[in-house]
Amino acid sequence: MSKLMRSISGIRGIVGDTLTPQVLESHVRAFIEITKAKRIVIGRDSRPTGEAIVQFVAGVCRLAGVDVVDVGLSTTPSVEILTTEFKADAGIIITASHNPLEWNALKFLNNKGLFLGPDDVKKLFELADAHTLQYPDYRTMGKYEVAPDADGVHIDGTLKIPFVDVEAIRAKKFKVAVDAVNGAGSYIVPRLLENLGCEVVRVHCEPDGTFPRGAEPIPEHLGDLREAVKANGCAVGFAVDPDADRCALVSGEGKSIGEEYTLAIAMEEVLSQKKGPVCVNLSTSRMNEDVAAKYGCEFSRAKVGEINVSLQMIEKGCVIGGEGNGGVILPALHYGRDSLVAAALVLSWMAHHDGGPEKFVAENPAYVMPKKKFELGNKSVAEILPLVRKEFEGWTDDDRDGLWLGKERSWVHVRASNTEPVIRVIAEAPTAEEAEALCAKVERLI
C-alpha cells in the first residue's frame, strides 16, 4: 500500500491503491462544502485514468447540486484561467503533474483560480475524514456542460500580455521544438507557438496517455528534444511536464541548460520593461536574485508550493515570480505557474537580444544546483533538521519550510516533499564540487 499524499498541492496517490472512488468522493464533497461552490470548472491531463475520474468527480459535483463546466484535456494554468473566465466558484484539476503514470490527483482552486490556502486545505481534509456530509434532494442536481475551445482562451490571454513582444517574435520566424511528454500541453503549446509565427517541430505531442520519457522536464529526460533541436536547426527547445505548468529549455546548441534558467530569462524580460518586486521559492536559483539586483528590484523568497509563492507575490505586489522548476508566475495574466507564459517570455527575450538561451547563460553568473531526494527510512524530517542546523552552524537560516541555510553565494535547502514520500535536498553554489559537497554533508545525516 502506497501513501496518499495530501498537501497544499491537493491529494495524489496511485489509482486503485490509495486514490480510490471513496477517497475522491469524500474530498470532492468536502471541497464543495468548504467553497460553497455552485459552479465548478473541471479539467484533466492525458493520463489513462483522467477521463474516468472526470466523469466520477463531475457526478459527485452534480449530485451535490453543483453545475459542472468540463474543459476536457487542459493544462493546469488553463484551468486556473478558465475558472475565473467562466465566472466559476471553484476549479478542480485532475493531474498528478510530474508523478509517474499510475498516479493521479486532484488539485483544488478557489474562485480566483488560486490553489486553496493552508487554512482551507486543513479544513477540507478534516471534513473529508469526518465522512459526515449529506447530499441534497435529487431535484437540485447540477447541470453539465462542455466548454468549446477552452485552449483558445488561454492562448488569447497569453498573446495580450504587455511584456510579450508579439510582433518582434513573429518577425524572427523562429523554428522551435516542443516536447509535451504526450501530456496536456500537446496541442495548446504548439498552437501558441504557431500563433507567434514559429515553425514548430513536435516531439511527444500526442496526448495518448503515455509518457515516453520521464514526466519531469529535467535534462536526463530530454534526449529526444535535444536531438530534434540539433537535427532541425531550431533556435530553442521547450519541454513541459504532463500538466504543462512547468517549462524547461534546450538551447539552440542542443544542450539542456536546466529548468532554472526559464524563470531567470523570463524575469529579465519583464524587469527590463517594468521594475517591481519579485518573489521565488526557497529552492529556486539565486540567478533570479542577480537579475533582480541588476534592475534594482526587491527580491524575496517564499515557502515551496505554488500557492505560497502566489500569496507572497500578491502581498508584495510582485510583477513576476515563480519556482525554479520551470514554473513562471506572471500576475499580468494570472497567479499560477504557466508554461505558455514562460515560452512566450523566453521568445520575447530572444527576439530582443538576438540570441537563444545560450546567450543568457554566457552573459550571467553560473551556478550549479544538484536536486536530490532520499527515502526517509525509519527517520522523520523533524529528527534530521536539528542535525543539519548544527552541521551548518553560522549560516543564515530560514525554517518556514523545512530548513534553508545560506552563506555568501551558496545555499542548501532540506525539506519534506509535498508530492512524494521523500525528503528533498537541494543545494546551489558557484561550482559543482561545492554544491555536491553541500548535499553530501546533509546526506550523511539522513
Protein backbone atom coordinates (compact mmCIF):
# COMPACT_ATOMS: atom_id res chain seq x y z
CA MET A 1 0.00 0.00 0.00
CA SER A 2 1.46 3.36 -1.04
CA LYS A 3 0.79 6.58 0.80
CA LEU A 4 -1.95 9.06 -0.10
CA MET A 5 -0.15 12.40 -0.39
CA ARG A 6 -2.15 15.33 1.00
CA SER A 7 -0.78 18.87 1.00
CA ILE A 8 -1.43 22.38 -0.26
CA SER A 9 -0.98 20.82 -3.71
CA GLY A 10 -4.17 18.78 -3.16
CA ILE A 11 -4.37 15.00 -2.91
CA ARG A 12 -2.49 12.48 -5.01
CA GLY A 13 -1.94 8.75 -4.98
CA ILE A 14 -1.79 5.60 -7.08
CA VAL A 15 -5.15 4.95 -8.70
CA GLY A 16 -6.83 1.84 -7.26
CA ASP A 17 -4.40 1.80 -4.35
CA THR A 18 -4.68 4.95 -2.25
CA LEU A 19 -6.59 7.09 -4.75
CA THR A 20 -9.92 5.26 -4.69
CA PRO A 21 -13.51 6.29 -5.52
CA GLN A 22 -14.17 6.64 -1.79
CA VAL A 23 -11.20 8.99 -1.36
CA LEU A 24 -12.20 11.04 -4.41
CA GLU A 25 -15.81 11.33 -3.26
CA SER A 26 -15.04 12.39 0.30
CA HIS A 27 -12.53 15.06 -0.74
CA VAL A 28 -14.64 16.49 -3.59
CA ARG A 29 -17.69 16.63 -1.33
CA ALA A 30 -15.65 18.38 1.38
CA PHE A 31 -14.26 20.80 -1.22
CA ILE A 32 -17.77 21.76 -2.29
CA GLU A 33 -18.72 22.36 1.34
CA ILE A 34 -15.62 24.49 2.02
CA THR A 35 -16.07 26.68 -1.08
CA LYS A 36 -19.90 26.71 -1.11
CA ALA A 37 -19.48 26.33 -4.88
CA LYS A 38 -22.47 26.25 -7.21
CA ARG A 39 -20.40 26.15 -10.42
CA ILE A 40 -17.10 24.28 -10.84
CA VAL A 41 -14.66 24.05 -13.76
CA ILE A 42 -13.00 20.63 -14.20
CA GLY A 43 -10.01 19.81 -16.45
CA ARG A 44 -7.56 16.92 -16.75
CA ASP A 45 -4.23 15.87 -18.19
CA SER A 46 -3.79 12.93 -20.57
CA ARG A 47 -3.35 10.09 -18.05
CA PRO A 48 -5.42 7.00 -18.94
CA THR A 49 -7.37 7.33 -15.69
CA GLY A 50 -8.16 11.02 -16.21
CA GLU A 51 -11.37 10.80 -18.21
CA ALA A 52 -12.95 8.27 -15.83
CA ILE A 53 -12.03 10.41 -12.83
CA VAL A 54 -13.51 13.48 -14.52
CA GLN A 55 -16.79 11.64 -15.00
CA PHE A 56 -16.78 10.43 -11.41
CA VAL A 57 -15.90 13.83 -9.94
CA ALA A 58 -18.45 15.58 -12.17
CA GLY A 59 -21.08 13.13 -10.95
CA VAL A 60 -20.27 13.87 -7.30
CA CYS A 61 -20.47 17.60 -8.00
CA ARG A 62 -23.80 17.34 -9.82
CA LEU A 63 -25.37 15.13 -7.15
CA ALA A 64 -24.27 17.76 -4.62
CA GLY A 65 -26.22 20.38 -6.59
CA VAL A 66 -23.23 21.92 -8.39
CA ASP A 67 -23.09 22.84 -12.09
CA VAL A 68 -20.03 21.49 -13.90
CA VAL A 69 -18.09 23.04 -16.79
CA ASP A 70 -15.89 20.31 -18.32
CA VAL A 71 -12.93 21.84 -20.16
CA GLY A 72 -11.56 18.42 -21.13
CA LEU A 73 -7.86 17.93 -21.79
CA SER A 74 -6.41 21.09 -20.24
CA THR A 75 -3.21 22.32 -18.71
CA THR A 76 -3.17 23.29 -15.05
CA PRO A 77 -2.73 27.01 -15.89
CA SER A 78 -5.59 26.79 -18.39
CA VAL A 79 -7.98 25.55 -15.70
CA GLU A 80 -6.78 28.30 -13.37
CA ILE A 81 -7.56 30.92 -16.03
CA LEU A 82 -10.85 29.33 -17.09
CA THR A 83 -12.12 29.19 -13.50
CA THR A 84 -12.21 32.98 -13.45
CA GLU A 85 -13.03 33.43 -17.14
CA PHE A 86 -16.16 31.28 -16.81
CA LYS A 87 -17.09 33.00 -13.52
CA ALA A 88 -17.00 29.71 -11.63
CA ASP A 89 -16.91 29.44 -7.85
CA ALA A 90 -14.10 26.88 -7.88
CA GLY A 91 -11.99 24.60 -10.06
CA ILE A 92 -10.66 21.05 -9.93
CA ILE A 93 -7.64 19.90 -11.93
CA ILE A 94 -7.21 16.16 -12.35
CA THR A 95 -3.46 15.69 -12.77
CA ALA A 96 -0.59 14.18 -10.84
CA SER A 97 1.79 16.56 -12.61
CA HIS A 98 5.31 15.08 -12.56
CA ASN A 99 4.39 11.82 -10.81
CA PRO A 100 4.53 8.56 -12.83
CA LEU A 101 1.63 7.37 -15.00
CA GLU A 102 -0.02 5.18 -12.36
CA TRP A 103 -0.59 8.22 -10.14
CA ASN A 104 -3.38 10.75 -10.39
CA ALA A 105 -4.50 13.64 -8.24
CA LEU A 106 -6.98 16.39 -7.51
CA LYS A 107 -5.80 20.00 -7.33
CA PHE A 108 -8.34 22.37 -5.80
CA LEU A 109 -8.84 26.01 -6.90
CA ASN A 110 -10.85 28.84 -5.36
CA ASN A 111 -12.94 31.34 -7.33
CA LYS A 112 -9.81 33.37 -8.15
CA GLY A 113 -8.14 30.40 -9.84
CA LEU A 114 -5.68 30.03 -6.95
CA PHE A 115 -4.89 26.88 -5.03
CA LEU A 116 -6.53 26.75 -1.63
CA GLY A 117 -4.50 28.28 1.17
CA PRO A 118 -3.19 26.26 4.15
CA ASP A 119 -6.17 27.01 6.43
CA ASP A 120 -8.76 25.96 3.85
CA VAL A 121 -6.77 22.84 3.00
CA LYS A 122 -6.68 21.85 6.67
CA LYS A 123 -10.47 22.30 6.95
CA LEU A 124 -11.02 20.34 3.74
CA PHE A 125 -9.03 17.34 4.96
CA GLU A 126 -10.72 17.37 8.36
CA LEU A 127 -14.15 17.45 6.73
CA ALA A 128 -13.24 14.71 4.26
CA ASP A 129 -12.04 12.47 7.09
CA ALA A 130 -15.22 13.03 9.11
CA HIS A 131 -17.48 11.46 6.42
CA THR A 132 -20.49 13.37 7.75
CA LEU A 133 -21.65 15.24 4.63
CA GLN A 134 -25.06 14.53 3.14
CA TYR A 135 -26.38 15.06 -0.40
CA PRO A 136 -29.37 17.28 -1.21
CA ASP A 137 -32.65 16.28 -2.84
CA TYR A 138 -32.27 14.92 -6.38
CA ARG A 139 -34.30 17.81 -7.77
CA THR A 140 -31.38 20.16 -7.07
CA MET A 141 -28.96 18.17 -9.26
CA GLY A 142 -26.41 20.31 -11.06
CA LYS A 143 -26.09 20.80 -14.82
CA TYR A 144 -23.23 19.63 -17.03
CA GLU A 145 -21.68 21.43 -19.99
CA VAL A 146 -18.59 21.03 -22.15
CA ALA A 147 -16.66 24.24 -22.84
CA PRO A 148 -15.85 24.92 -26.51
CA ASP A 149 -12.22 25.74 -27.38
CA ALA A 150 -11.02 26.24 -23.83
CA ASP A 151 -7.42 26.34 -25.17
CA GLY A 152 -8.22 29.44 -27.18
CA VAL A 153 -8.97 31.48 -24.05
CA HIS A 154 -5.54 30.73 -22.60
CA ILE A 155 -3.74 31.39 -25.89
CA ASP A 156 -5.53 34.70 -26.48
CA GLY A 157 -4.68 35.84 -22.96
CA THR A 158 -1.01 34.96 -23.42
CA LEU A 159 -0.78 36.89 -26.71
CA LYS A 160 -2.13 40.00 -24.95
CA ILE A 161 0.49 40.03 -22.18
CA PRO A 162 2.11 43.50 -22.30
CA PHE A 163 5.62 42.09 -21.77
CA VAL A 164 5.43 39.72 -24.74
CA ASP A 165 6.52 41.50 -27.93
CA VAL A 166 4.38 39.50 -30.34
CA GLU A 167 5.40 41.43 -33.45
CA ALA A 168 9.12 41.14 -32.68
CA ILE A 169 8.75 37.38 -32.17
CA ARG A 170 6.78 36.95 -35.40
CA ALA A 171 9.38 38.94 -37.30
CA LYS A 172 12.09 36.50 -36.24
CA LYS A 173 10.21 33.46 -37.64
CA PHE A 174 11.84 31.21 -35.05
CA LYS A 175 12.00 27.47 -35.62
CA VAL A 176 11.36 25.81 -32.27
CA ALA A 177 10.90 22.28 -30.93
CA VAL A 178 8.35 21.25 -28.29
CA ASP A 179 8.35 18.12 -26.13
CA ALA A 180 4.99 17.85 -24.36
CA VAL A 181 5.56 14.31 -22.97
CA ASN A 182 2.24 13.38 -24.66
CA GLY A 183 0.52 15.35 -21.91
CA ALA A 184 -1.98 18.18 -21.61
CA GLY A 185 0.31 20.61 -23.43
CA SER A 186 0.46 18.51 -26.60
CA TYR A 187 -1.94 20.68 -28.59
CA ILE A 188 -2.03 24.03 -26.81
CA VAL A 189 1.73 24.72 -26.57
CA PRO A 190 2.45 24.16 -30.31
CA ARG A 191 -0.69 26.15 -31.16
CA LEU A 192 0.51 29.13 -29.12
CA LEU A 193 3.94 29.00 -30.75
CA GLU A 194 2.42 28.87 -34.23
CA ASN A 195 0.32 31.92 -33.30
CA LEU A 196 3.63 33.61 -32.51
CA GLY A 197 4.85 32.90 -36.05
CA CYS A 198 7.11 29.99 -35.12
CA GLU A 199 7.73 26.88 -37.17
CA VAL A 200 7.14 24.08 -34.65
CA VAL A 201 8.86 20.70 -34.54
CA ARG A 202 6.71 18.41 -32.40
CA VAL A 203 8.25 15.82 -30.07
CA HIS A 204 5.92 13.62 -27.99
CA CYS A 205 2.87 15.76 -28.74
CA GLU A 206 0.21 13.04 -28.96
CA PRO A 207 -1.87 13.10 -25.75
CA ASP A 208 -2.45 9.34 -25.74
CA GLY A 209 -1.98 8.70 -22.04
CA THR A 210 1.63 7.52 -22.26
CA PHE A 211 4.71 9.34 -21.02
CA PRO A 212 7.52 8.25 -23.38
CA ARG A 213 10.13 9.96 -21.23
CA GLY A 214 10.29 10.75 -17.53
CA ALA A 215 7.44 13.07 -16.57
CA GLU A 216 9.67 15.83 -15.19
CA PRO A 217 11.32 18.09 -17.81
CA ILE A 218 14.80 17.58 -16.42
CA PRO A 219 17.95 17.15 -18.57
CA GLU A 220 18.19 13.36 -18.29
CA HIS A 221 14.70 13.05 -19.82
CA LEU A 222 15.19 15.38 -22.78
CA GLY A 223 17.41 13.42 -25.16
CA ASP A 224 14.75 13.31 -27.88
CA LEU A 225 14.20 17.05 -27.65
CA ARG A 226 17.93 17.77 -27.83
CA GLU A 227 18.19 15.61 -30.95
CA ALA A 228 15.19 17.36 -32.53
CA VAL A 229 16.69 20.79 -31.88
CA LYS A 230 20.02 19.82 -33.45
CA ALA A 231 18.55 17.85 -36.37
CA ASN A 232 16.15 20.63 -37.36
CA GLY A 233 18.32 23.67 -36.65
CA CYS A 234 15.92 25.03 -34.02
CA ALA A 235 16.64 28.21 -32.11
CA VAL A 236 15.29 26.73 -28.86
CA GLY A 237 13.53 23.68 -27.47
CA PHE A 238 10.71 23.82 -24.92
CA ALA A 239 9.89 20.86 -22.65
CA VAL A 240 6.84 20.78 -20.41
CA ASP A 241 5.54 18.35 -17.80
CA PRO A 242 2.25 16.39 -18.13
CA ASP A 243 0.06 19.28 -16.90
CA ALA A 244 2.19 21.95 -18.60
CA ASP A 245 2.70 24.32 -15.71
CA ARG A 246 6.48 23.90 -15.95
CA CYS A 247 8.78 24.68 -18.87
CA ALA A 248 12.44 23.71 -19.32
CA LEU A 249 14.77 24.84 -22.09
CA VAL A 250 17.12 23.27 -24.59
CA SER A 251 19.48 25.79 -26.21
CA GLY A 252 19.96 26.22 -29.93
CA GLU A 253 23.19 24.27 -29.48
CA GLY A 254 21.09 21.26 -28.48
CA LYS A 255 22.07 21.39 -24.81
CA SER A 256 19.77 21.12 -21.80
CA ILE A 257 20.55 24.23 -19.82
CA GLY A 258 18.29 23.25 -16.92
CA GLU A 259 14.82 24.31 -15.86
CA GLU A 260 16.16 27.01 -13.51
CA TYR A 261 17.04 29.27 -16.44
CA THR A 262 13.43 29.58 -17.62
CA LEU A 263 12.34 31.84 -14.78
CA ALA A 264 15.56 33.89 -14.81
CA ILE A 265 15.22 34.67 -18.54
CA ALA A 266 11.51 35.46 -18.19
CA MET A 267 12.25 37.67 -15.19
CA GLU A 268 14.82 39.71 -17.11
CA GLU A 269 12.37 40.20 -19.98
CA VAL A 270 9.73 41.57 -17.60
CA LEU A 271 12.01 43.68 -15.37
CA SER A 272 13.65 45.28 -18.41
CA GLN A 273 10.22 46.72 -19.21
CA LYS A 274 8.69 47.22 -15.76
CA LYS A 275 10.59 47.34 -12.48
CA GLY A 276 8.95 45.91 -9.38
CA PRO A 277 9.27 43.32 -6.61
CA VAL A 278 9.88 39.67 -7.47
CA CYS A 279 9.42 36.51 -5.43
CA VAL A 280 10.68 32.94 -5.83
CA ASN A 281 10.55 29.91 -3.57
CA LEU A 282 13.29 28.84 -1.20
CA SER A 283 14.54 26.15 -3.59
CA THR A 284 14.97 28.46 -6.59
CA SER A 285 18.30 29.58 -8.07
CA ARG A 286 19.93 32.80 -6.93
CA MET A 287 20.22 33.69 -10.63
CA ASN A 288 16.89 35.40 -10.05
CA GLU A 289 18.33 37.39 -7.16
CA ASP A 290 21.11 38.50 -9.51
CA VAL A 291 18.58 39.58 -12.16
CA ALA A 292 16.53 41.49 -9.58
CA ALA A 293 19.67 43.25 -8.31
CA LYS A 294 20.63 44.17 -11.89
CA TYR A 295 17.38 46.13 -12.23
CA GLY A 296 17.33 47.42 -8.65
CA CYS A 297 14.25 45.42 -7.69
CA GLU A 298 13.20 43.94 -4.35
CA PHE A 299 13.76 40.18 -4.10
CA SER A 300 12.16 37.76 -1.64
CA ARG A 301 11.71 34.04 -1.10
CA ALA A 302 8.56 32.10 -0.14
CA LYS A 303 7.85 28.58 1.03
CA VAL A 304 7.81 25.92 -1.69
CA GLY A 305 4.41 25.41 -3.32
CA GLU A 306 2.68 27.48 -5.97
CA ILE A 307 0.10 28.93 -3.58
CA ASN A 308 2.79 30.04 -1.11
CA VAL A 309 4.62 31.94 -3.84
CA SER A 310 1.38 33.34 -5.27
CA LEU A 311 0.17 34.67 -1.90
CA GLN A 312 3.52 36.33 -1.17
CA MET A 313 3.50 37.85 -4.65
CA ILE A 314 0.03 39.28 -4.03
CA GLU A 315 1.11 40.63 -0.64
CA LYS A 316 4.22 42.33 -2.05
CA GLY A 317 2.74 43.45 -5.38
CA CYS A 318 5.26 41.46 -7.42
CA VAL A 319 5.45 41.90 -11.19
CA ILE A 320 6.82 38.37 -11.74
CA GLY A 321 7.84 35.38 -9.68
CA GLY A 322 7.69 31.63 -9.62
CA GLU A 323 9.56 28.45 -8.88
CA GLY A 324 12.86 27.23 -10.27
CA ASN A 325 11.34 24.02 -11.63
CA GLY A 326 10.41 25.97 -14.76
CA GLY A 327 7.31 27.48 -13.19
CA VAL A 328 6.85 31.14 -14.22
CA ILE A 329 4.10 33.15 -12.48
CA LEU A 330 3.07 36.38 -14.19
CA PRO A 331 0.31 38.38 -12.49
CA ALA A 332 -0.37 40.24 -15.74
CA LEU A 333 -2.25 37.08 -16.82
CA HIS A 334 -2.85 35.10 -13.61
CA TYR A 335 -1.17 33.92 -10.40
CA GLY A 336 -0.33 30.37 -11.48
CA ARG A 337 2.75 28.67 -12.91
CA ASP A 338 2.34 28.69 -16.66
CA SER A 339 4.47 27.07 -19.37
CA LEU A 340 2.78 29.08 -22.14
CA VAL A 341 3.67 32.34 -20.41
CA ALA A 342 7.21 31.03 -19.88
CA ALA A 343 7.70 30.11 -23.55
CA ALA A 344 6.28 33.43 -24.76
CA LEU A 345 8.51 35.48 -22.45
CA VAL A 346 11.62 33.49 -23.41
CA LEU A 347 10.87 34.04 -27.11
CA SER A 348 10.34 37.75 -26.46
CA TRP A 349 13.71 37.90 -24.69
CA MET A 350 15.31 36.07 -27.64
CA ALA A 351 13.76 38.50 -30.14
CA HIS A 352 15.10 41.47 -28.18
CA HIS A 353 18.58 40.01 -27.62
CA ASP A 354 19.29 38.38 -31.00
CA GLY A 355 20.24 35.10 -29.39
CA GLY A 356 18.92 31.99 -27.68
CA PRO A 357 19.10 30.84 -24.07
CA GLU A 358 22.77 30.07 -24.53
CA LYS A 359 23.40 33.82 -24.76
CA PHE A 360 21.80 34.40 -21.35
CA VAL A 361 23.90 31.55 -19.93
CA ALA A 362 27.10 33.08 -21.31
CA GLU A 363 26.35 36.59 -20.05
CA ASN A 364 25.30 35.81 -16.46
CA PRO A 365 26.99 34.28 -13.40
CA ALA A 366 26.78 30.49 -13.41
CA TYR A 367 25.66 28.28 -10.54
CA VAL A 368 25.35 24.54 -10.11
CA MET A 369 22.27 23.16 -8.39
CA PRO A 370 22.01 19.43 -7.65
CA LYS A 371 18.48 18.38 -6.70
CA LYS A 372 18.30 15.14 -4.75
CA LYS A 373 15.66 13.16 -2.94
CA PHE A 374 16.05 10.38 -0.42
CA GLU A 375 13.79 7.80 1.19
CA LEU A 376 13.44 8.59 4.87
CA GLY A 377 13.50 5.01 6.13
CA ASN A 378 12.74 4.97 9.86
CA LYS A 379 13.73 8.60 10.39
CA SER A 380 11.48 11.64 10.30
CA VAL A 381 12.27 15.04 8.81
CA ALA A 382 11.83 16.54 12.30
CA GLU A 383 14.71 14.36 13.56
CA ILE A 384 17.01 15.31 10.71
CA LEU A 385 16.64 19.10 10.64
CA PRO A 386 18.32 19.86 14.01
CA LEU A 387 21.31 17.78 12.90
CA VAL A 388 21.50 19.77 9.66
CA ARG A 389 21.29 23.08 11.50
CA LYS A 390 24.19 22.05 13.74
CA GLU A 391 26.26 20.91 10.74
CA PHE A 392 25.82 24.36 9.12
CA GLU A 393 26.30 26.43 12.24
CA GLY A 394 26.88 30.10 11.42
CA TRP A 395 24.87 30.06 8.18
CA THR A 396 21.81 32.28 7.68
CA ASP A 397 18.76 30.11 8.31
CA ASP A 398 15.07 30.09 7.37
CA ASP A 399 12.81 27.43 8.90
CA ARG A 400 9.48 28.36 7.29
CA ASP A 401 9.66 25.28 5.06
CA GLY A 402 12.00 22.61 6.34
CA LEU A 403 15.37 24.31 6.72
CA TRP A 404 17.08 26.71 4.31
CA LEU A 405 20.69 27.72 5.04
CA GLY A 406 22.63 30.31 3.10
CA LYS A 407 26.15 31.75 3.12
CA GLU A 408 27.73 34.09 0.59
CA ARG A 409 26.79 32.71 -2.87
CA SER A 410 25.80 29.23 -1.70
CA TRP A 411 22.76 27.69 0.00
CA VAL A 412 21.18 24.35 0.86
CA HIS A 413 17.51 23.54 1.41
CA VAL A 414 16.24 20.42 3.21
CA ARG A 415 12.51 19.70 3.35
CA ALA A 416 9.83 17.05 3.15
CA SER A 417 8.24 16.74 -0.30
CA ASN A 418 4.64 17.90 -0.76
CA THR A 419 4.10 15.38 -3.56
CA GLU A 420 6.23 12.31 -2.80
CA PRO A 421 7.09 10.35 0.40
CA VAL A 422 10.70 11.55 0.37
CA ILE A 423 12.99 14.21 1.79
CA ARG A 424 14.36 16.70 -0.75
CA VAL A 425 17.86 18.14 -0.57
CA ILE A 426 18.68 20.97 -2.95
CA ALA A 427 21.89 22.96 -2.89
CA GLU A 428 23.40 25.71 -5.01
CA ALA A 429 26.95 27.01 -5.33
CA PRO A 430 29.22 28.54 -7.99
CA THR A 431 30.86 25.16 -8.73
CA ALA A 432 29.67 21.56 -8.96
CA GLU A 433 32.25 20.48 -6.38
CA GLU A 434 30.96 22.97 -3.80
CA ALA A 435 27.29 22.16 -4.48
CA GLU A 436 27.76 18.39 -4.31
CA ALA A 437 29.72 18.78 -1.09
CA LEU A 438 26.78 20.60 0.48
CA CYS A 439 24.40 17.79 -0.49
CA ALA A 440 26.84 15.18 0.78
CA LYS A 441 27.00 16.85 4.21
CA VAL A 442 23.23 16.53 4.50
CA GLU A 443 23.05 13.00 3.07
CA ARG A 444 25.39 11.73 5.79
CA LEU A 445 22.79 12.80 8.37
CA ILE A 446 19.79 11.08 6.73
